[in-house]
N, C-alpha and C. Protein backbone atom coordinates (compact mmCIF):
# COMPACT_ATOMS: atom_id res chain seq x y z
N MET A 1 0.23 8.18 -11.03
CA MET A 1 -0.49 8.75 -9.92
C MET A 1 -0.26 10.26 -9.92
N SER A 2 -1.32 11.01 -9.77
CA SER A 2 -1.23 12.47 -9.72
C SER A 2 -0.93 12.93 -8.31
N PRO A 3 -0.23 14.05 -8.16
CA PRO A 3 0.04 14.57 -6.82
C PRO A 3 -1.25 15.07 -6.16
N LEU A 4 -1.30 14.97 -4.84
CA LEU A 4 -2.42 15.48 -4.07
C LEU A 4 -2.04 16.83 -3.49
N GLU A 5 -2.95 17.78 -3.55
CA GLU A 5 -2.68 19.09 -2.99
C GLU A 5 -3.13 19.10 -1.53
N LEU A 6 -2.23 19.49 -0.64
CA LEU A 6 -2.56 19.58 0.78
C LEU A 6 -3.28 20.88 1.10
N GLY A 7 -3.13 21.86 0.29
CA GLY A 7 -3.71 23.16 0.55
C GLY A 7 -2.64 24.22 0.50
N ARG A 8 -3.04 25.43 0.61
CA ARG A 8 -2.12 26.55 0.52
C ARG A 8 -1.35 26.71 1.82
N VAL A 9 -0.05 26.84 1.70
CA VAL A 9 0.82 27.12 2.84
C VAL A 9 1.56 28.41 2.49
N ASP A 10 1.25 29.48 3.20
CA ASP A 10 1.81 30.79 2.85
C ASP A 10 3.26 30.97 3.25
N HIS A 11 3.65 30.43 4.38
CA HIS A 11 4.98 30.70 4.91
C HIS A 11 5.61 29.42 5.46
N LEU A 12 5.81 28.44 4.61
CA LEU A 12 6.39 27.17 5.02
C LEU A 12 7.83 27.38 5.46
N ASP A 13 8.16 26.91 6.66
CA ASP A 13 9.49 27.12 7.21
C ASP A 13 10.35 25.87 7.19
N ALA A 14 9.75 24.72 7.04
CA ALA A 14 10.52 23.47 7.04
C ALA A 14 9.81 22.47 6.15
N ALA A 15 10.53 21.43 5.79
CA ALA A 15 9.95 20.42 4.92
C ALA A 15 8.73 19.79 5.57
N LEU A 16 7.77 19.47 4.75
CA LEU A 16 6.57 18.77 5.18
C LEU A 16 6.92 17.33 5.51
N VAL A 17 6.45 16.85 6.66
CA VAL A 17 6.65 15.46 7.06
C VAL A 17 5.31 14.76 6.92
N VAL A 18 5.27 13.64 6.18
CA VAL A 18 4.04 12.88 5.99
C VAL A 18 4.30 11.42 6.32
N VAL A 19 3.39 10.82 7.10
CA VAL A 19 3.45 9.38 7.37
C VAL A 19 2.11 8.78 6.95
N SER A 20 2.15 7.53 6.48
CA SER A 20 0.95 6.83 6.03
C SER A 20 0.95 5.42 6.58
N ASP A 21 -0.26 4.87 6.75
CA ASP A 21 -0.36 3.46 7.14
C ASP A 21 -0.78 2.62 5.93
N GLU A 22 -0.88 1.33 6.12
CA GLU A 22 -1.19 0.42 5.02
C GLU A 22 -2.64 0.52 4.55
N ASN A 23 -3.49 1.24 5.30
CA ASN A 23 -4.90 1.37 4.94
C ASN A 23 -5.23 2.67 4.21
N GLY A 24 -4.22 3.46 3.90
CA GLY A 24 -4.45 4.70 3.16
C GLY A 24 -4.73 5.91 4.02
N HIS A 25 -4.40 5.85 5.30
CA HIS A 25 -4.55 7.01 6.19
C HIS A 25 -3.19 7.70 6.30
N SER A 26 -3.21 9.02 6.33
CA SER A 26 -1.96 9.78 6.40
C SER A 26 -2.10 10.97 7.33
N VAL A 27 -0.97 11.43 7.83
CA VAL A 27 -0.89 12.67 8.61
C VAL A 27 0.30 13.44 8.08
N GLY A 28 0.10 14.72 7.81
CA GLY A 28 1.18 15.60 7.40
C GLY A 28 1.34 16.70 8.44
N ALA A 29 2.57 17.09 8.71
CA ALA A 29 2.82 18.18 9.66
C ALA A 29 3.98 19.02 9.15
N TRP A 30 3.98 20.28 9.52
CA TRP A 30 5.01 21.21 9.08
C TRP A 30 5.05 22.41 10.02
N THR A 31 6.08 23.23 9.89
CA THR A 31 6.12 24.50 10.61
C THR A 31 5.82 25.61 9.62
N GLU A 32 5.13 26.62 10.12
CA GLU A 32 4.72 27.74 9.27
C GLU A 32 4.77 29.03 10.08
N THR A 33 5.31 30.08 9.47
CA THR A 33 5.37 31.37 10.14
C THR A 33 3.98 31.97 10.25
N GLU A 34 3.66 32.41 11.46
CA GLU A 34 2.40 33.11 11.70
C GLU A 34 2.74 34.35 12.51
N GLY A 35 2.69 35.49 11.89
CA GLY A 35 3.11 36.71 12.57
C GLY A 35 4.59 36.66 12.87
N ALA A 36 4.95 36.84 14.14
CA ALA A 36 6.36 36.83 14.54
C ALA A 36 6.84 35.45 14.98
N ASN A 37 5.96 34.45 14.95
CA ASN A 37 6.33 33.13 15.46
C ASN A 37 6.17 32.04 14.42
N ILE A 38 6.79 30.89 14.71
CA ILE A 38 6.72 29.72 13.85
C ILE A 38 5.89 28.67 14.58
N ARG A 39 4.80 28.22 13.95
CA ARG A 39 3.88 27.27 14.57
C ARG A 39 3.89 25.95 13.86
N VAL A 40 3.50 24.88 14.57
CA VAL A 40 3.34 23.56 13.99
C VAL A 40 1.89 23.40 13.56
N ARG A 41 1.73 22.95 12.31
CA ARG A 41 0.40 22.69 11.77
C ARG A 41 0.35 21.27 11.26
N ALA A 42 -0.85 20.69 11.23
CA ALA A 42 -1.01 19.31 10.75
C ALA A 42 -2.32 19.18 10.00
N LYS A 43 -2.35 18.16 9.15
CA LYS A 43 -3.54 17.85 8.36
C LYS A 43 -3.61 16.34 8.22
N THR A 44 -4.82 15.77 8.26
CA THR A 44 -4.98 14.32 8.13
C THR A 44 -5.63 13.97 6.80
N TYR A 45 -5.39 12.72 6.37
CA TYR A 45 -5.99 12.20 5.14
C TYR A 45 -6.59 10.83 5.45
N CYS A 46 -7.85 10.65 5.06
CA CYS A 46 -8.52 9.35 5.18
C CYS A 46 -8.96 8.94 3.79
N TYR A 47 -8.71 7.70 3.43
CA TYR A 47 -8.97 7.24 2.06
C TYR A 47 -10.39 7.49 1.58
N ASP A 48 -11.38 7.49 2.51
CA ASP A 48 -12.77 7.68 2.08
C ASP A 48 -13.31 9.09 2.31
N ARG A 49 -12.45 10.00 2.83
CA ARG A 49 -12.89 11.37 3.09
C ARG A 49 -12.01 12.42 2.44
N GLY A 50 -10.78 12.06 2.13
CA GLY A 50 -9.85 13.05 1.60
C GLY A 50 -9.13 13.78 2.72
N TRP A 51 -8.59 14.94 2.40
CA TRP A 51 -7.84 15.73 3.38
C TRP A 51 -8.77 16.50 4.30
N GLY A 52 -8.44 16.52 5.58
CA GLY A 52 -9.18 17.30 6.57
C GLY A 52 -8.68 18.73 6.60
N SER A 53 -9.14 19.47 7.56
CA SER A 53 -8.72 20.87 7.71
C SER A 53 -7.38 20.94 8.44
N VAL A 54 -6.75 22.09 8.37
CA VAL A 54 -5.47 22.31 9.03
C VAL A 54 -5.71 22.56 10.52
N ASP A 55 -4.93 21.88 11.37
CA ASP A 55 -4.98 22.08 12.81
C ASP A 55 -3.70 22.76 13.27
N ASN A 56 -3.82 23.78 14.11
CA ASN A 56 -2.66 24.39 14.76
C ASN A 56 -2.35 23.55 16.00
N LEU A 57 -1.15 23.00 16.06
CA LEU A 57 -0.79 22.14 17.19
C LEU A 57 0.01 22.85 18.27
N SER A 58 0.88 23.75 17.87
CA SER A 58 1.73 24.41 18.86
C SER A 58 1.08 25.70 19.34
N ASP A 59 1.48 26.14 20.52
CA ASP A 59 0.96 27.37 21.09
C ASP A 59 1.48 28.59 20.36
N ASP A 60 0.68 29.61 20.32
CA ASP A 60 1.08 30.88 19.74
C ASP A 60 2.07 31.56 20.69
N GLY A 61 2.95 32.36 20.16
CA GLY A 61 3.84 33.16 20.99
C GLY A 61 5.23 32.60 21.17
N GLN A 62 5.50 31.40 20.64
CA GLN A 62 6.83 30.81 20.74
C GLN A 62 7.14 30.07 19.45
N ASP A 63 8.42 29.92 19.15
CA ASP A 63 8.83 29.29 17.90
C ASP A 63 8.96 27.78 18.04
N ALA A 64 8.54 27.06 16.99
CA ALA A 64 8.61 25.60 16.94
C ALA A 64 9.51 25.18 15.79
N SER A 65 10.10 23.97 15.90
CA SER A 65 10.98 23.45 14.84
C SER A 65 11.06 21.93 14.95
N ASP A 66 11.73 21.31 13.97
CA ASP A 66 12.08 19.89 14.01
C ASP A 66 10.87 18.98 14.22
N VAL A 67 9.89 19.06 13.33
CA VAL A 67 8.66 18.27 13.43
C VAL A 67 8.90 16.83 13.00
N ASP A 68 8.28 15.88 13.72
CA ASP A 68 8.28 14.48 13.32
C ASP A 68 6.95 13.86 13.72
N ILE A 69 6.60 12.72 13.09
CA ILE A 69 5.29 12.09 13.30
C ILE A 69 5.46 10.58 13.42
N ALA A 70 4.63 9.96 14.27
CA ALA A 70 4.48 8.51 14.32
C ALA A 70 2.98 8.22 14.21
N LEU A 71 2.62 7.21 13.41
CA LEU A 71 1.22 6.84 13.20
C LEU A 71 1.05 5.35 13.44
N ASN A 72 0.07 4.98 14.28
CA ASN A 72 -0.15 3.55 14.53
C ASN A 72 -1.31 3.02 13.69
N GLY A 73 -1.60 1.73 13.81
CA GLY A 73 -2.65 1.08 13.03
C GLY A 73 -4.06 1.47 13.43
N ALA A 74 -4.22 2.16 14.55
CA ALA A 74 -5.53 2.61 15.01
C ALA A 74 -5.83 4.05 14.58
N ARG A 75 -5.04 4.56 13.62
CA ARG A 75 -5.22 5.92 13.08
C ARG A 75 -4.92 7.01 14.10
N GLN A 76 -4.09 6.71 15.06
CA GLN A 76 -3.67 7.69 16.06
C GLN A 76 -2.23 8.10 15.77
N ALA A 77 -2.01 9.39 15.65
CA ALA A 77 -0.67 9.90 15.38
C ALA A 77 -0.19 10.75 16.55
N VAL A 78 1.10 10.74 16.74
CA VAL A 78 1.74 11.66 17.69
C VAL A 78 2.68 12.54 16.86
N VAL A 79 2.48 13.83 16.98
CA VAL A 79 3.36 14.79 16.32
C VAL A 79 4.23 15.40 17.40
N ILE A 80 5.55 15.38 17.20
CA ILE A 80 6.48 15.96 18.17
C ILE A 80 7.25 17.08 17.51
N TRP A 81 7.71 18.02 18.32
CA TRP A 81 8.51 19.14 17.83
C TRP A 81 9.27 19.77 18.98
N ASN A 82 10.23 20.59 18.62
CA ASN A 82 10.96 21.39 19.60
C ASN A 82 10.35 22.78 19.63
N ARG A 83 10.36 23.38 20.80
CA ARG A 83 9.86 24.74 20.98
C ARG A 83 10.89 25.52 21.77
N SER A 84 11.09 26.75 21.39
CA SER A 84 12.01 27.61 22.11
C SER A 84 11.22 28.63 22.92
N ASN A 85 11.59 28.77 24.21
CA ASN A 85 10.97 29.81 25.02
C ASN A 85 11.89 31.03 25.14
N GLY A 86 12.91 31.07 24.29
CA GLY A 86 13.87 32.17 24.30
C GLY A 86 15.12 31.84 25.08
N VAL A 87 15.03 30.86 25.99
CA VAL A 87 16.17 30.45 26.80
C VAL A 87 16.46 28.97 26.60
N ASN A 88 15.41 28.16 26.65
CA ASN A 88 15.55 26.71 26.55
C ASN A 88 14.81 26.15 25.35
N THR A 89 15.24 24.97 24.90
CA THR A 89 14.51 24.22 23.89
C THR A 89 13.75 23.11 24.60
N ILE A 90 12.45 23.04 24.35
CA ILE A 90 11.56 22.12 25.04
C ILE A 90 10.90 21.23 24.00
N VAL A 91 10.85 19.92 24.25
CA VAL A 91 10.17 19.00 23.34
C VAL A 91 8.69 18.97 23.71
N GLN A 92 7.82 19.13 22.70
CA GLN A 92 6.39 19.07 22.92
C GLN A 92 5.77 18.06 21.96
N ALA A 93 4.54 17.65 22.26
CA ALA A 93 3.85 16.68 21.43
C ALA A 93 2.35 16.93 21.47
N ALA A 94 1.67 16.46 20.43
CA ALA A 94 0.21 16.51 20.38
C ALA A 94 -0.26 15.25 19.65
N THR A 95 -1.45 14.78 20.01
CA THR A 95 -2.02 13.65 19.31
C THR A 95 -2.98 14.14 18.23
N VAL A 96 -3.02 13.39 17.14
CA VAL A 96 -3.90 13.69 16.02
C VAL A 96 -4.57 12.37 15.63
N ILE A 97 -5.89 12.40 15.45
CA ILE A 97 -6.65 11.20 15.08
C ILE A 97 -7.15 11.36 13.65
N VAL A 98 -6.93 10.34 12.82
CA VAL A 98 -7.49 10.33 11.47
C VAL A 98 -8.91 9.77 11.58
N THR A 99 -9.91 10.60 11.30
CA THR A 99 -11.30 10.17 11.42
C THR A 99 -11.75 9.51 10.12
N MET A 100 -12.66 8.55 10.25
CA MET A 100 -13.16 7.79 9.09
C MET A 100 -14.61 8.10 8.83
N GLY A 101 -15.05 7.79 7.64
CA GLY A 101 -16.45 7.88 7.27
C GLY A 101 -16.90 9.29 7.00
N PRO A 102 -18.03 9.42 6.31
CA PRO A 102 -18.56 10.74 5.99
C PRO A 102 -19.15 11.44 7.18
């Protein structure tokens, strides 16, 4: 099996986390430096469409870290991460849907 390219990541700050289901759907998420901040980004994979575009999940202006993902059988993923507001660490989450068909 050949490796699949997710796309160019200019400033990867943490290991890429990828989860897959038994039907060939996947979600990848990572943190990436953008300007002065670290943001959470994600990308989905559907067996009949390939990789989707990169989505910015975390808000601009604050640093994110410690990304993790859960994916259910209905192609719905929850991506969670920690965010620092300079004083506190806050857990945040976003949902990501793997879309099917052309």
